[in-house]
Amino acid sequence: MMHNMTPGMMWGMGFIGLLVVVVLLLAAAALVKYLRSSNGGGDR
C-alpha cells in the first residue's frame, strides 16, 4: 500500500466500507424476517 494516499481515496474507501456494512445489515435483517415468517405462521 502507498503511504501518500489522497484524502479523497481514503474517503472513498471509508464510504465503500460503510456501504458494505449497510448491505450486510440489510441482508441480515431480511434473512431474520424471512426465517421468522417462514417458521411461524402462514400468510403473515
N, C-alpha and C. Protein backbone atom coordinates (compact mmCIF):
# COMPACT_ATOMS: atom_id res chain seq x y z
N MET A 1 0.84 -1.19 0.00
CA MET A 1 0.00 0.00 0.00
C MET A 1 0.87 1.24 0.00
N MET A 2 0.44 2.27 -0.68
CA MET A 2 1.21 3.52 -0.69
C MET A 2 0.81 4.36 0.52
N HIS A 3 1.81 5.04 1.09
CA HIS A 3 1.54 5.84 2.29
C HIS A 3 0.98 7.21 1.94
N ASN A 4 1.27 7.71 0.73
CA ASN A 4 0.81 9.06 0.38
C ASN A 4 -0.53 8.98 -0.36
N MET A 5 -1.55 8.51 0.35
CA MET A 5 -2.86 8.44 -0.27
C MET A 5 -3.57 9.78 -0.12
N THR A 6 -4.37 10.11 -1.09
CA THR A 6 -5.11 11.37 -1.03
C THR A 6 -6.32 11.21 -0.12
N PRO A 7 -6.75 12.29 0.52
CA PRO A 7 -7.94 12.21 1.39
C PRO A 7 -9.16 11.73 0.62
N GLY A 8 -9.24 12.04 -0.66
CA GLY A 8 -10.37 11.58 -1.46
C GLY A 8 -10.40 10.07 -1.55
N MET A 9 -9.24 9.46 -1.74
CA MET A 9 -9.20 7.99 -1.81
C MET A 9 -9.58 7.38 -0.47
N MET A 10 -9.09 7.98 0.61
CA MET A 10 -9.43 7.45 1.94
C MET A 10 -10.92 7.61 2.20
N TRP A 11 -11.51 8.72 1.78
CA TRP A 11 -12.94 8.94 1.97
C TRP A 11 -13.72 7.93 1.14
N GLY A 12 -13.24 7.67 -0.06
CA GLY A 12 -13.91 6.69 -0.92
C GLY A 12 -13.86 5.30 -0.31
N MET A 13 -12.71 4.92 0.22
CA MET A 13 -12.59 3.59 0.83
C MET A 13 -13.49 3.50 2.06
N GLY A 14 -13.56 4.58 2.84
CA GLY A 14 -14.42 4.60 4.02
C GLY A 14 -15.88 4.49 3.61
N PHE A 15 -16.23 5.17 2.51
CA PHE A 15 -17.61 5.13 2.03
C PHE A 15 -17.96 3.72 1.56
N ILE A 16 -17.02 3.06 0.88
CA ILE A 16 -17.25 1.69 0.42
C ILE A 16 -17.42 0.76 1.62
N GLY A 17 -16.61 0.95 2.64
CA GLY A 17 -16.71 0.11 3.84
C GLY A 17 -18.06 0.31 4.51
N LEU A 18 -18.50 1.58 4.59
CA LEU A 18 -19.80 1.87 5.20
C LEU A 18 -20.91 1.23 4.38
N LEU A 19 -20.77 1.29 3.05
CA LEU A 19 -21.79 0.71 2.18
C LEU A 19 -21.86 -0.81 2.39
N VAL A 20 -20.69 -1.44 2.54
CA VAL A 20 -20.66 -2.89 2.77
C VAL A 20 -21.35 -3.23 4.09
N VAL A 21 -21.10 -2.44 5.13
CA VAL A 21 -21.73 -2.69 6.43
C VAL A 21 -23.24 -2.56 6.33
N VAL A 22 -23.71 -1.53 5.62
CA VAL A 22 -25.16 -1.32 5.47
C VAL A 22 -25.79 -2.49 4.73
N VAL A 23 -25.10 -2.95 3.66
CA VAL A 23 -25.64 -4.07 2.87
C VAL A 23 -25.71 -5.33 3.74
N LEU A 24 -24.67 -5.56 4.55
CA LEU A 24 -24.68 -6.75 5.40
C LEU A 24 -25.81 -6.67 6.42
N LEU A 25 -26.02 -5.48 6.99
CA LEU A 25 -27.10 -5.32 7.97
C LEU A 25 -28.46 -5.57 7.33
N LEU A 26 -28.65 -5.04 6.12
CA LEU A 26 -29.92 -5.24 5.42
C LEU A 26 -30.13 -6.71 5.11
N ALA A 27 -29.07 -7.38 4.69
CA ALA A 27 -29.17 -8.80 4.35
C ALA A 27 -29.51 -9.61 5.60
N ALA A 28 -28.89 -9.27 6.73
CA ALA A 28 -29.16 -10.00 7.97
C ALA A 28 -30.61 -9.77 8.41
N ALA A 29 -31.09 -8.53 8.29
CA ALA A 29 -32.47 -8.22 8.69
C ALA A 29 -33.46 -8.97 7.79
N ALA A 30 -33.16 -9.01 6.49
CA ALA A 30 -34.05 -9.71 5.56
C ALA A 30 -34.05 -11.20 5.85
N LEU A 31 -32.88 -11.75 6.19
CA LEU A 31 -32.80 -13.17 6.48
C LEU A 31 -33.60 -13.50 7.74
N VAL A 32 -33.46 -12.69 8.78
CA VAL A 32 -34.20 -12.92 10.02
C VAL A 32 -35.70 -12.83 9.77
N LYS A 33 -36.12 -11.81 9.00
CA LYS A 33 -37.54 -11.65 8.72
C LYS A 33 -38.06 -12.84 7.92
N TYR A 34 -37.25 -13.30 6.98
CA TYR A 34 -37.66 -14.44 6.15
C TYR A 34 -37.78 -15.71 6.99
N LEU A 35 -36.80 -15.92 7.88
CA LEU A 35 -36.84 -17.12 8.71
C LEU A 35 -38.03 -17.08 9.67
N ARG A 36 -38.29 -15.91 10.27
CA ARG A 36 -39.39 -15.80 11.22
C ARG A 36 -40.73 -15.99 10.50
N SER A 37 -40.86 -15.42 9.30
CA SER A 37 -42.14 -15.52 8.59
C SER A 37 -42.35 -16.95 8.09
N SER A 38 -41.27 -17.63 7.72
CA SER A 38 -41.43 -18.99 7.19
C SER A 38 -41.68 -19.99 8.33
N ASN A 39 -41.09 -19.68 9.51
CA ASN A 39 -41.24 -20.63 10.63
C ASN A 39 -42.62 -20.51 11.26
N GLY A 40 -43.01 -19.25 11.65
CA GLY A 40 -44.19 -19.15 12.42
C GLY A 40 -45.34 -18.70 11.65
N GLY A 41 -46.25 -19.17 11.33
CA GLY A 41 -47.40 -18.62 10.81
C GLY A 41 -47.70 -18.97 9.43
N GLY A 42 -48.36 -18.34 8.63
CA GLY A 42 -48.50 -18.73 7.26
C GLY A 42 -48.51 -17.53 6.38
N ASP A 43 -49.56 -16.75 6.42
CA ASP A 43 -49.69 -15.64 5.49
C ASP A 43 -48.97 -14.41 6.05
N ARG A 44 -48.85 -14.30 7.34
CA ARG A 44 -48.21 -13.10 7.91
C ARG A 44 -46.99 -13.56 8.66
